[in-house]
Amino acid sequence: MAREGVSKTVDEPARGAVARVTHKRVPEFFIVGHPKSGTTALYEMLRRHPQIYMPAEKEPWFFSTELRFRPPPRTPVGIPDTLDEYLALFEGATPEQRVGEASTTYLWSRTAAAGIADVQPAARIVAILREPASFLRSLHLQFLEAYIETETDFRKAISLEDARREGRLVHRHTYWPQMLLYSEHVRYVEQLRRYHEVFPSEQVLVLVYDDFRRDNEATVRRVLRFLEVDDTSSIEVMEANPTVRPRSQRFHELVQAVSVGRGPAARAVKASLKALTPERLRRNALHAFRRRVVYATPRSPDESLTIELRRRFKPEVVALSEYLDRDLVTLWGYDSVE
């Protein structure tokens, strides 16, 4: 199943293992990102379709090999180490179902496109792109929530990029420091080219976040047609993964320390909770506690910073408009940016 001439970014054992696991289902489509661009909502709506199977746990991240060296302290599911472990995620699919997954790091990743093509050259790829300034603001809040970022001030977090590129000013518990290079996330044309280099254009669908927000149902039906499944069945429109901000970064980090058992006191508290409550109840209770106590509604965006970012990323928006043959400069309001 491996393609000749495709980049050697997938481990040789993984490529060689494909022949040994042909009896297992290999995903036929991938939602590759970006985060905070409707990917979770799209995943939730697609996985409810009777002709589609997606794992209950989103974000396997398997093909983003850059991220394996320090996986996040996430339970019960981590990044699969082997192709066999990865393919085990899809064992529940029936023969009649299309199998897919959603990992928002795959568009950012420099290895994922070629890795997916090695394992599944017939894969259908779905990417979602969002206006850069609003995307990065939401991404910063997402990184704060996920304990990747510790700098709560968005302007300062952006300004730290050069230092962080040199490995400085990164919290010692940050498990994916390379993700904090915010400008790397909006190299849209470069990211799409990685997929178009290994997949025919008819296998790659690029969605725009504004279209998805304006009409969820129409966008989902477009994706269903792209996946060649029934697009006439009922669709439950939903919101998912709302953007939030920590009320207190120190309290936020304390809750994380207890949840992963970091430090003697935190390990003791976690052990007590583990002994007294079932795992599912603990997870649900922690999720509810974070939503009600730890997080709050985001503040209004800094308009001056928004303008600065739009000036900075206008060349990328112009290039993307030309690449996709769609006027995103006007759609995203960059025609008024000088």
Protein backbone atom coordinates (compact mmCIF):
# COMPACT_ATOMS: atom_id res chain seq x y z
CA MET A 1 0.00 0.00 0.00
CA ALA A 2 3.00 2.36 0.35
CA ARG A 3 3.56 4.90 -2.41
CA GLU A 4 6.88 5.07 -4.21
CA GLY A 5 8.58 8.44 -4.19
CA VAL A 6 6.70 9.73 -1.14
CA SER A 7 8.69 11.43 1.60
CA LYS A 8 10.29 9.10 4.17
CA THR A 9 8.82 10.86 7.18
CA VAL A 10 6.96 7.80 8.44
CA ASP A 11 9.06 5.37 10.44
CA GLU A 12 10.32 2.41 8.40
CA PRO A 13 8.75 -0.06 10.89
CA ALA A 14 5.39 1.65 10.42
CA ARG A 15 5.62 1.40 6.63
CA GLY A 16 6.70 -2.22 6.79
CA ALA A 17 3.89 -3.00 9.20
CA VAL A 18 1.23 -2.04 6.67
CA ALA A 19 1.56 -5.37 4.91
CA ARG A 20 1.06 -7.20 8.21
CA VAL A 21 -2.15 -5.37 9.13
CA THR A 22 -4.04 -5.50 5.85
CA HIS A 23 -6.86 -7.28 7.66
CA LYS A 24 -7.40 -4.14 9.75
CA ARG A 25 -9.30 -1.06 8.64
CA VAL A 26 -7.13 1.83 7.55
CA PRO A 27 -8.81 5.26 7.71
CA GLU A 28 -10.22 6.42 4.40
CA PHE A 29 -10.54 10.09 5.29
CA PHE A 30 -8.83 12.57 7.59
CA ILE A 31 -9.96 15.90 9.03
CA VAL A 32 -6.54 17.55 9.24
CA GLY A 33 -7.32 20.90 10.91
CA HIS A 34 -6.85 23.68 11.83
CA PRO A 35 -7.95 23.74 15.50
CA LYS A 36 -10.51 26.36 16.58
CA SER A 37 -11.88 26.31 13.05
CA GLY A 38 -14.91 24.06 13.41
CA THR A 39 -13.05 20.75 13.29
CA THR A 40 -14.58 19.38 16.48
CA ALA A 41 -18.11 20.28 15.41
CA LEU A 42 -17.52 18.71 11.99
CA TYR A 43 -16.12 15.57 13.65
CA GLU A 44 -19.11 15.32 15.99
CA MET A 45 -21.63 15.71 13.15
CA LEU A 46 -19.88 13.27 10.83
CA ARG A 47 -19.46 10.52 13.43
CA ARG A 48 -23.23 10.46 13.94
CA HIS A 49 -23.79 9.52 10.30
CA PRO A 50 -24.71 5.81 10.00
CA GLN A 51 -22.30 5.28 7.07
CA ILE A 52 -19.30 6.78 8.90
CA TYR A 53 -17.12 5.44 11.70
CA MET A 54 -14.83 7.71 13.68
CA PRO A 55 -13.25 6.82 17.06
CA ALA A 56 -14.93 8.12 20.18
CA GLU A 57 -11.66 9.84 21.12
CA LYS A 58 -10.75 12.64 18.71
CA GLU A 59 -7.12 13.57 17.98
CA PRO A 60 -5.01 10.39 17.68
CA TRP A 61 -2.15 12.62 16.37
CA PHE A 62 -0.40 9.48 15.07
CA PHE A 63 1.03 10.99 11.88
CA SER A 64 2.34 14.16 13.57
CA THR A 65 5.61 12.45 14.36
CA GLU A 66 7.17 15.71 15.62
CA LEU A 67 4.96 15.47 18.70
CA ARG A 68 5.83 11.98 19.87
CA PHE A 69 8.96 12.84 21.83
CA ARG A 70 6.96 14.31 24.71
CA PRO A 71 3.30 13.28 24.67
CA PRO A 72 0.84 15.22 26.83
CA PRO A 73 -0.27 13.84 30.22
CA ARG A 74 -3.64 12.85 28.78
CA THR A 75 -5.76 9.90 29.92
CA PRO A 76 -7.11 7.44 29.03
CA VAL A 77 -5.82 7.76 25.45
CA GLY A 78 -2.31 8.79 24.43
CA ILE A 79 -0.61 8.98 21.05
CA PRO A 80 -0.45 5.45 19.58
CA ASP A 81 3.16 4.26 19.38
CA THR A 82 2.71 1.74 16.57
CA LEU A 83 0.61 1.36 13.46
CA ASP A 84 -1.10 -1.65 15.04
CA GLU A 85 -2.11 0.45 18.06
CA TYR A 86 -3.34 3.19 15.76
CA LEU A 87 -5.41 0.90 13.57
CA ALA A 88 -6.94 -0.68 16.67
CA LEU A 89 -8.86 2.59 17.09
CA PHE A 90 -11.00 1.65 14.08
CA GLU A 91 -11.82 -1.97 14.92
CA GLY A 92 -15.42 -1.07 15.73
CA ALA A 93 -16.21 -0.09 12.14
CA THR A 94 -18.54 -2.24 10.07
CA PRO A 95 -17.63 -3.20 6.48
CA GLU A 96 -20.27 -0.81 5.14
CA GLN A 97 -18.91 2.25 6.96
CA ARG A 98 -16.38 4.83 5.81
CA VAL A 99 -13.60 5.07 8.40
CA GLY A 100 -12.01 8.38 9.34
CA GLU A 101 -10.34 10.38 12.05
CA ALA A 102 -9.74 14.00 13.02
CA SER A 103 -6.40 15.36 14.24
CA THR A 104 -5.99 19.11 14.15
CA THR A 105 -2.18 18.92 14.21
CA TYR A 106 -1.98 17.26 10.79
CA LEU A 107 -2.17 20.50 8.82
CA TRP A 108 0.53 22.14 10.95
CA SER A 109 2.71 19.02 10.91
CA ARG A 110 5.50 18.73 8.35
CA THR A 111 5.34 14.92 8.45
CA ALA A 112 1.63 14.07 8.50
CA ALA A 113 0.75 14.50 4.82
CA ALA A 114 3.43 12.14 3.54
CA GLY A 115 2.81 9.73 6.41
CA ILE A 116 -0.90 9.49 5.61
CA ALA A 117 -0.13 9.01 1.91
CA ASP A 118 2.28 6.17 2.72
CA VAL A 119 -0.38 4.27 4.64
CA GLN A 120 -3.48 5.27 2.67
CA PRO A 121 -2.79 6.78 -0.80
CA ALA A 122 -6.54 6.82 -1.55
CA ALA A 123 -7.33 8.96 1.53
CA ARG A 124 -9.72 11.90 1.32
CA ILE A 125 -8.39 14.99 3.12
CA VAL A 126 -10.54 17.72 4.69
CA ALA A 127 -8.87 20.97 5.80
CA ILE A 128 -10.56 23.98 7.40
CA LEU A 129 -8.95 27.44 7.30
CA ARG A 130 -9.83 30.51 9.36
CA GLU A 131 -8.95 34.20 9.13
CA PRO A 132 -5.46 34.43 10.72
CA ALA A 133 -5.96 37.07 13.44
CA SER A 134 -9.11 35.52 14.91
CA PHE A 135 -7.64 32.05 14.49
CA LEU A 136 -4.47 32.85 16.43
CA ARG A 137 -6.38 34.57 19.22
CA SER A 138 -8.58 31.48 19.67
CA LEU A 139 -5.53 29.21 19.32
CA HIS A 140 -3.74 31.07 22.11
CA LEU A 141 -6.75 30.55 24.41
CA GLN A 142 -6.91 26.89 23.39
CA PHE A 143 -3.22 26.47 24.24
CA LEU A 144 -3.79 28.06 27.63
CA GLU A 145 -6.65 25.65 28.28
CA ALA A 146 -4.56 22.66 27.14
CA TYR A 147 -1.49 23.63 29.25
CA ILE A 148 0.68 24.18 26.18
CA GLU A 149 0.87 27.95 26.75
CA THR A 150 1.46 29.69 30.08
CA GLU A 151 1.66 33.33 28.97
CA THR A 152 -1.86 34.70 29.39
CA ASP A 153 -1.26 37.95 27.50
CA PHE A 154 -1.76 37.23 23.79
CA ARG A 155 0.37 40.15 22.61
CA LYS A 156 3.28 39.04 24.78
CA ALA A 157 2.86 35.39 23.73
CA ILE A 158 3.17 36.46 20.09
CA SER A 159 6.23 38.57 20.88
CA LEU A 160 8.01 35.62 22.53
CA GLU A 161 8.16 33.65 19.30
CA ASP A 162 11.81 34.44 18.45
CA ALA A 163 12.99 33.54 21.95
CA ARG A 164 10.97 30.36 21.97
CA ARG A 165 12.38 29.39 18.59
CA GLU A 166 15.73 29.31 20.40
CA GLY A 167 14.28 27.21 23.23
CA ARG A 168 14.01 30.08 25.73
CA LEU A 169 11.08 31.35 27.84
CA VAL A 170 9.18 28.07 27.68
CA HIS A 171 7.65 26.65 30.87
CA ARG A 172 9.33 23.39 31.88
CA HIS A 173 5.99 21.56 31.90
CA THR A 174 5.07 22.67 28.36
CA TYR A 175 4.94 19.40 26.47
CA TRP A 176 4.81 20.76 22.88
CA PRO A 177 6.95 23.95 22.87
CA GLN A 178 7.22 23.98 19.06
CA MET A 179 3.48 24.63 18.89
CA LEU A 180 4.07 28.04 20.50
CA LEU A 181 5.56 29.41 17.28
CA TYR A 182 2.26 31.01 16.31
CA SER A 183 3.26 32.21 12.85
CA GLU A 184 3.98 28.60 11.84
CA HIS A 185 0.26 27.84 12.14
CA VAL A 186 -0.75 30.28 9.41
CA ARG A 187 1.56 29.12 6.65
CA TYR A 188 -1.60 28.06 4.85
CA VAL A 189 -0.26 27.71 1.30
CA GLU A 190 2.79 25.75 2.43
CA GLN A 191 0.58 23.45 4.50
CA LEU A 192 -1.86 22.77 1.66
CA ARG A 193 0.98 22.17 -0.79
CA ARG A 194 2.26 19.34 1.39
CA TYR A 195 -1.05 17.54 0.81
CA HIS A 196 -1.34 18.43 -2.87
CA GLU A 197 2.18 17.07 -3.43
CA VAL A 198 1.12 13.57 -2.33
CA PHE A 199 -2.61 13.49 -3.14
CA PRO A 200 -4.53 14.34 -6.33
CA SER A 201 -6.51 17.56 -6.04
CA GLU A 202 -9.82 15.67 -6.17
CA GLN A 203 -8.87 13.96 -2.89
CA VAL A 204 -8.36 17.23 -0.99
CA LEU A 205 -11.27 19.41 0.16
CA VAL A 206 -10.44 22.84 1.58
CA LEU A 207 -13.20 24.46 3.61
CA VAL A 208 -13.38 28.03 4.86
CA TYR A 209 -14.47 28.54 8.46
CA ASP A 210 -16.80 31.41 7.55
CA ASP A 211 -18.84 29.11 5.28
CA PHE A 212 -19.09 26.51 8.02
CA ARG A 213 -20.22 29.08 10.58
CA ARG A 214 -22.76 30.59 8.20
CA ASP A 215 -24.35 27.25 7.27
CA ASN A 216 -23.21 24.20 9.23
CA GLU A 217 -25.64 21.87 7.53
CA ALA A 218 -24.75 22.82 3.95
CA THR A 219 -21.03 22.44 4.70
CA VAL A 220 -21.51 19.03 6.30
CA ARG A 221 -23.56 17.84 3.30
CA ARG A 222 -20.75 19.03 1.04
CA VAL A 223 -18.30 16.93 3.05
CA LEU A 224 -20.63 13.91 2.89
CA ARG A 225 -20.75 14.18 -0.90
CA PHE A 226 -16.96 14.45 -0.96
CA LEU A 227 -16.77 11.24 1.11
CA GLU A 228 -19.30 9.58 -1.22
CA VAL A 229 -21.82 8.71 1.46
CA ASP A 230 -25.52 9.56 1.69
CA ASP A 231 -25.87 13.33 2.02
CA THR A 232 -29.66 13.32 2.41
CA SER A 233 -29.88 11.94 5.95
CA SER A 234 -30.79 14.25 8.83
CA ILE A 235 -27.97 16.28 10.36
CA GLU A 236 -27.86 17.43 13.97
CA VAL A 237 -26.26 20.88 13.89
CA MET A 238 -24.15 21.49 16.98
CA GLU A 239 -21.56 23.69 18.62
CA ALA A 240 -18.46 22.07 20.06
CA ASN A 241 -15.23 23.04 21.83
CA PRO A 242 -16.20 26.64 22.71
CA THR A 243 -13.36 29.10 23.28
CA VAL A 244 -12.76 29.92 26.95
CA ARG A 245 -10.08 31.60 29.09
CA PRO A 246 -8.71 30.61 32.51
CA ARG A 247 -10.01 32.85 35.29
CA SER A 248 -6.67 32.46 37.07
CA GLN A 249 -3.60 30.93 35.42
CA ARG A 250 -2.19 29.88 38.80
CA PHE A 251 -5.42 28.10 39.79
CA HIS A 252 -5.63 26.61 36.30
CA GLU A 253 -2.13 25.13 36.67
CA LEU A 254 -2.96 23.83 40.15
CA VAL A 255 -5.99 21.92 38.80
CA GLN A 256 -3.79 20.43 36.07
CA ALA A 257 -1.13 19.42 38.59
CA VAL A 258 -3.74 17.54 40.63
CA SER A 259 -5.31 15.92 37.55
CA VAL A 260 -1.97 14.48 36.35
CA GLY A 261 -0.48 13.92 39.82
CA ARG A 262 2.45 16.33 39.45
CA GLY A 263 4.28 16.70 42.77
CA PRO A 264 3.89 14.77 46.08
CA ALA A 265 0.85 16.69 47.34
CA ALA A 266 -0.92 16.50 43.97
CA ARG A 267 -0.19 12.77 43.71
CA ALA A 268 -1.68 12.20 47.17
CA VAL A 269 -4.87 14.11 46.26
CA LYS A 270 -5.17 12.26 42.97
CA ALA A 271 -4.66 8.90 44.64
CA SER A 272 -7.42 9.67 47.16
CA LEU A 273 -9.84 10.71 44.42
CA LYS A 274 -8.93 7.63 42.38
CA ALA A 275 -9.65 5.34 45.31
CA LEU A 276 -13.02 6.91 46.04
CA THR A 277 -14.56 7.53 42.59
CA PRO A 278 -14.82 5.60 39.30
CA GLU A 279 -12.71 6.88 36.39
CA ARG A 280 -15.61 8.03 34.20
CA LEU A 281 -17.17 9.90 37.12
CA ARG A 282 -13.84 11.57 37.91
CA ARG A 283 -13.39 12.67 34.31
CA ASN A 284 -16.92 14.05 34.02
CA ALA A 285 -16.66 15.83 37.35
CA LEU A 286 -13.29 17.37 36.44
CA HIS A 287 -14.62 18.53 33.08
CA ALA A 288 -17.69 20.13 34.71
CA PHE A 289 -15.54 21.76 37.41
CA ARG A 290 -13.21 23.29 34.86
CA ARG A 291 -16.06 24.63 32.76
CA ARG A 292 -17.92 26.17 35.72
CA VAL A 293 -15.09 27.29 38.01
CA VAL A 294 -11.75 27.40 36.18
CA TYR A 295 -12.82 28.97 32.87
CA ALA A 296 -14.68 32.11 31.88
CA THR A 297 -15.92 33.77 28.70
CA PRO A 298 -13.03 35.31 26.70
CA ARG A 299 -12.52 39.04 26.89
CA SER A 300 -13.03 41.19 23.81
CA PRO A 301 -10.09 41.07 21.38
CA ASP A 302 -7.41 43.78 21.45
CA GLU A 303 -8.33 45.75 18.33
CA SER A 304 -4.88 47.28 17.88
CA LEU A 305 -3.25 43.83 18.04
CA THR A 306 -5.83 42.48 15.60
CA ILE A 307 -4.88 45.20 13.11
CA GLU A 308 -1.17 44.45 13.59
CA LEU A 309 -1.71 40.76 12.95
CA ARG A 310 -3.84 41.41 9.89
CA ARG A 311 -1.10 43.61 8.44
CA ARG A 312 1.48 40.96 9.22
CA PHE A 313 -0.45 38.12 7.60
CA LYS A 314 -1.99 39.94 4.63
CA PRO A 315 0.65 38.50 2.23
CA GLU A 316 -0.37 34.99 3.33
CA VAL A 317 -4.05 35.76 2.74
CA VAL A 318 -3.27 37.16 -0.72
CA ALA A 319 -1.21 34.07 -1.57
CA LEU A 320 -3.95 31.77 -0.28
CA SER A 321 -6.57 33.58 -2.35
CA GLU A 322 -4.50 32.98 -5.45
CA TYR A 323 -3.78 29.38 -4.49
CA LEU A 324 -7.44 28.50 -3.93
CA ASP A 325 -8.74 30.84 -6.63
CA ARG A 326 -11.09 32.43 -4.12
CA ASP A 327 -11.18 36.04 -2.93
CA LEU A 328 -10.41 35.60 0.77
CA VAL A 329 -8.86 39.07 0.85
CA THR A 330 -12.34 40.57 0.58
CA LEU A 331 -14.14 37.87 2.57
CA TRP A 332 -11.80 38.31 5.54
CA GLY A 333 -11.68 42.11 5.24
CA TYR A 334 -8.02 42.36 4.23
CA ASP A 335 -8.84 44.64 1.31
CA SER A 336 -8.95 47.51 3.82
CA VAL A 337 -5.64 46.53 5.49
CA GLU A 338 -2.72 48.73 4.45
